[in-house]
Amino acid sequence: MRFLIDQNLPTALLAVLGDIGHEAIHIKRLGLATAPDHELWRKAGELGAVMVSKDSDFLAFASRDRAGPALVRLRVGNRGNRELYDIVRRSWPGVVARLNEGETLIEVRA
């Protein structure tokens, strides 16, 4: 499964997701670090990727754009990167299962 990682998450998350078998692309590596959210949402759709963000702004896109990409919102607060990566490793099998079942909005909580 392919994921597009928002600017508010560390680029090292790419390796974490890669280690558990998923392709991940960070918007910074696409040159979109300053792009508005609607462009990022569109890019996720173009790439066939699931948007991953801590940003609540994407909730509006997910609720309006049923045919658009899925959204995984990480509601984990301000945590250190190691703790964030542990949360992702623990939760991702369930996230992927829910995405495979057709859910388009998944919130991961710590």
C-alpha atoms as a PDB file:
ATOM      1  CA  MET A   1       0.000   0.000   0.000  1.00  0.00           C
ATOM      2  CA  ARG A   2       1.229   3.509  -0.800  1.00  0.00           C
ATOM      3  CA  PHE A   3       1.117   6.403   1.675  1.00  0.00           C
ATOM      4  CA  LEU A   4       1.723  10.126   1.189  1.00  0.00           C
ATOM      5  CA  ILE A   5       3.203  11.634   4.346  1.00  0.00           C
ATOM      6  CA  ASP A   6       2.357  15.239   5.248  1.00  0.00           C
ATOM      7  CA  GLN A   7       4.924  17.904   6.099  1.00  0.00           C
ATOM      8  CA  ASN A   8       4.016  17.804   9.795  1.00  0.00           C
ATOM      9  CA  LEU A   9       5.508  14.312  10.096  1.00  0.00           C
ATOM     10  CA  PRO A  10       9.200  13.376   9.979  1.00  0.00           C
ATOM     11  CA  THR A  11      10.725  12.064   6.765  1.00  0.00           C
ATOM     12  CA  ALA A  12      12.150   9.121   8.742  1.00  0.00           C
ATOM     13  CA  LEU A  13       8.596   7.782   8.869  1.00  0.00           C
ATOM     14  CA  LEU A  14       9.260   6.609   5.298  1.00  0.00           C
ATOM     15  CA  ALA A  15      11.739   4.037   6.586  1.00  0.00           C
ATOM     16  CA  VAL A  16       9.393   2.903   9.352  1.00  0.00           C
ATOM     17  CA  LEU A  17       6.612   2.228   6.849  1.00  0.00           C
ATOM     18  CA  GLY A  18       9.063   0.677   4.399  1.00  0.00           C
ATOM     19  CA  ASP A  19      10.284  -1.711   7.085  1.00  0.00           C
ATOM     20  CA  ILE A  20       6.746  -3.009   7.539  1.00  0.00           C
ATOM     21  CA  GLY A  21       6.226  -3.457   3.825  1.00  0.00           C
ATOM     22  CA  HIS A  22       4.652  -0.264   2.544  1.00  0.00           C
ATOM     23  CA  GLU A  23       5.668   2.374   0.051  1.00  0.00           C
ATOM     24  CA  ALA A  24       5.717   5.869   1.477  1.00  0.00           C
ATOM     25  CA  ILE A  25       6.426   9.230  -0.113  1.00  0.00           C
ATOM     26  CA  HIS A  26       7.014  12.415   1.865  1.00  0.00           C
ATOM     27  CA  ILE A  27       5.677  15.638   0.404  1.00  0.00           C
ATOM     28  CA  LYS A  28       9.011  17.351   1.088  1.00  0.00           C
ATOM     29  CA  ARG A  29      10.676  14.940  -1.323  1.00  0.00           C
ATOM     30  CA  LEU A  30       8.120  15.889  -3.963  1.00  0.00           C
ATOM     31  CA  GLY A  31       8.938  19.574  -3.549  1.00  0.00           C
ATOM     32  CA  LEU A  32       5.526  20.267  -2.034  1.00  0.00           C
ATOM     33  CA  ALA A  33       6.500  21.287   1.493  1.00  0.00           C
ATOM     34  CA  THR A  34       4.801  24.669   1.151  1.00  0.00           C
ATOM     35  CA  ALA A  35       1.888  23.542  -1.024  1.00  0.00           C
ATOM     36  CA  PRO A  36      -1.630  24.147   0.293  1.00  0.00           C
ATOM     37  CA  ASP A  37      -3.536  21.192   1.676  1.00  0.00           C
ATOM     38  CA  HIS A  38      -5.913  20.966  -1.285  1.00  0.00           C
ATOM     39  CA  GLU A  39      -2.904  20.391  -3.589  1.00  0.00           C
ATOM     40  CA  LEU A  40      -1.585  17.672  -1.296  1.00  0.00           C
ATOM     41  CA  TRP A  41      -4.994  16.002  -1.259  1.00  0.00           C
ATOM     42  CA  ARG A  42      -5.098  16.094  -5.058  1.00  0.00           C
ATOM     43  CA  LYS A  43      -1.540  14.711  -5.238  1.00  0.00           C
ATOM     44  CA  ALA A  44      -2.460  11.798  -2.974  1.00  0.00           C
ATOM     45  CA  GLY A  45      -5.292  10.972  -5.360  1.00  0.00           C
ATOM     46  CA  GLU A  46      -3.017  11.212  -8.403  1.00  0.00           C
ATOM     47  CA  LEU A  47      -0.496   8.880  -6.768  1.00  0.00           C
ATOM     48  CA  GLY A  48      -3.126   6.414  -5.591  1.00  0.00           C
ATOM     49  CA  ALA A  49      -1.835   7.034  -2.081  1.00  0.00           C
ATOM     50  CA  VAL A  50      -3.436   7.233   1.337  1.00  0.00           C
ATOM     51  CA  MET A  51      -2.836  10.657   2.927  1.00  0.00           C
ATOM     52  CA  VAL A  52      -1.196  10.468   6.379  1.00  0.00           C
ATOM     53  CA  SER A  53      -1.256  13.594   8.531  1.00  0.00           C
ATOM     54  CA  LYS A  54      -1.670  15.008  12.013  1.00  0.00           C
ATOM     55  CA  ASP A  55      -3.526  17.951  10.457  1.00  0.00           C
ATOM     56  CA  SER A  56      -7.276  18.146  11.107  1.00  0.00           C
ATOM     57  CA  ASP A  57      -7.737  20.249   7.936  1.00  0.00           C
ATOM     58  CA  PHE A  58      -7.750  17.077   5.843  1.00  0.00           C
ATOM     59  CA  LEU A  59     -10.926  15.908   7.589  1.00  0.00           C
ATOM     60  CA  ALA A  60     -12.940  18.367   5.492  1.00  0.00           C
ATOM     61  CA  PHE A  61     -11.494  16.969   2.266  1.00  0.00           C
ATOM     62  CA  ALA A  62     -12.159  13.394   3.386  1.00  0.00           C
ATOM     63  CA  SER A  63     -15.787  14.166   4.252  1.00  0.00           C
ATOM     64  CA  ARG A  64     -16.470  16.074   0.993  1.00  0.00           C
ATOM     65  CA  ASP A  65     -14.471  13.953  -1.440  1.00  0.00           C
ATOM     66  CA  ARG A  66     -15.777  10.399  -1.051  1.00  0.00           C
ATOM     67  CA  ALA A  67     -14.123   9.360  -4.338  1.00  0.00           C
ATOM     68  CA  GLY A  68     -10.777  10.850  -3.278  1.00  0.00           C
ATOM     69  CA  PRO A  69      -7.955   9.259  -1.342  1.00  0.00           C
ATOM     70  CA  ALA A  70      -8.291   7.744   2.096  1.00  0.00           C
ATOM     71  CA  LEU A  71      -6.959   9.610   5.127  1.00  0.00           C
ATOM     72  CA  VAL A  72      -5.078   8.301   8.132  1.00  0.00           C
ATOM     73  CA  ARG A  73      -5.035  10.985  10.788  1.00  0.00           C
ATOM     74  CA  LEU A  74      -2.492  10.502  13.532  1.00  0.00           C
ATOM     75  CA  ARG A  75      -4.035  11.932  16.697  1.00  0.00           C
ATOM     76  CA  VAL A  76      -1.044  11.289  18.875  1.00  0.00           C
ATOM     77  CA  GLY A  77      -0.227  14.733  20.224  1.00  0.00           C
ATOM     78  CA  ASN A  78       3.291  16.078  20.498  1.00  0.00           C
ATOM     79  CA  ARG A  79       5.441  13.023  20.988  1.00  0.00           C
ATOM     80  CA  GLY A  80       9.053  12.297  20.279  1.00  0.00           C
ATOM     81  CA  ASN A  81       9.865  10.577  17.023  1.00  0.00           C
ATOM     82  CA  ARG A  82      10.711   7.223  18.625  1.00  0.00           C
ATOM     83  CA  GLU A  83       7.365   7.117  20.371  1.00  0.00           C
ATOM     84  CA  LEU A  84       5.602   8.134  17.145  1.00  0.00           C
ATOM     85  CA  TYR A  85       7.345   5.343  15.247  1.00  0.00           C
ATOM     86  CA  ASP A  86       6.362   2.805  17.925  1.00  0.00           C
ATOM     87  CA  ILE A  87       2.725   3.938  17.668  1.00  0.00           C
ATOM     88  CA  VAL A  88       2.822   3.561  13.888  1.00  0.00           C
ATOM     89  CA  ARG A  89       4.431   0.098  14.066  1.00  0.00           C
ATOM     90  CA  ARG A  90       1.811  -1.095  16.573  1.00  0.00           C
ATOM     91  CA  SER A  91      -1.214   0.391  14.854  1.00  0.00           C
ATOM     92  CA  TRP A  92      -0.393  -0.055  11.170  1.00  0.00           C
ATOM     93  CA  PRO A  93      -1.575  -3.658  10.717  1.00  0.00           C
ATOM     94  CA  GLY A  94      -5.019  -2.567  11.931  1.00  0.00           C
ATOM     95  CA  VAL A  95      -4.907   0.589   9.799  1.00  0.00           C
ATOM     96  CA  VAL A  96      -4.125  -1.433   6.674  1.00  0.00           C
ATOM     97  CA  ALA A  97      -6.841  -3.979   7.487  1.00  0.00           C
ATOM     98  CA  ARG A  98      -9.410  -1.199   7.823  1.00  0.00           C
ATOM     99  CA  LEU A  99      -8.260   0.432   4.582  1.00  0.00           C
ATOM    100  CA  ASN A 100      -8.536  -2.918   2.815  1.00  0.00           C
ATOM    101  CA  GLU A 101     -12.108  -3.198   4.140  1.00  0.00           C
ATOM    102  CA  GLY A 102     -12.935   0.093   2.425  1.00  0.00           C
ATOM    103  CA  GLU A 103     -12.717   2.611   5.263  1.00  0.00           C
ATOM    104  CA  THR A 104     -11.591   5.999   4.005  1.00  0.00           C
ATOM    105  CA  LEU A 105     -11.042   7.853   7.293  1.00  0.00           C
ATOM    106  CA  ILE A 106      -9.023   6.275  10.061  1.00  0.00           C
ATOM    107  CA  GLU A 107      -7.850   8.035  13.187  1.00  0.00           C
ATOM    108  CA  VAL A 108      -4.928   6.582  15.099  1.00  0.00           C
ATOM    109  CA  ARG A 109      -4.806   7.547  18.737  1.00  0.00           C
ATOM    110  CA  ALA A 110      -1.980   6.979  21.152  1.00  0.00           C
END
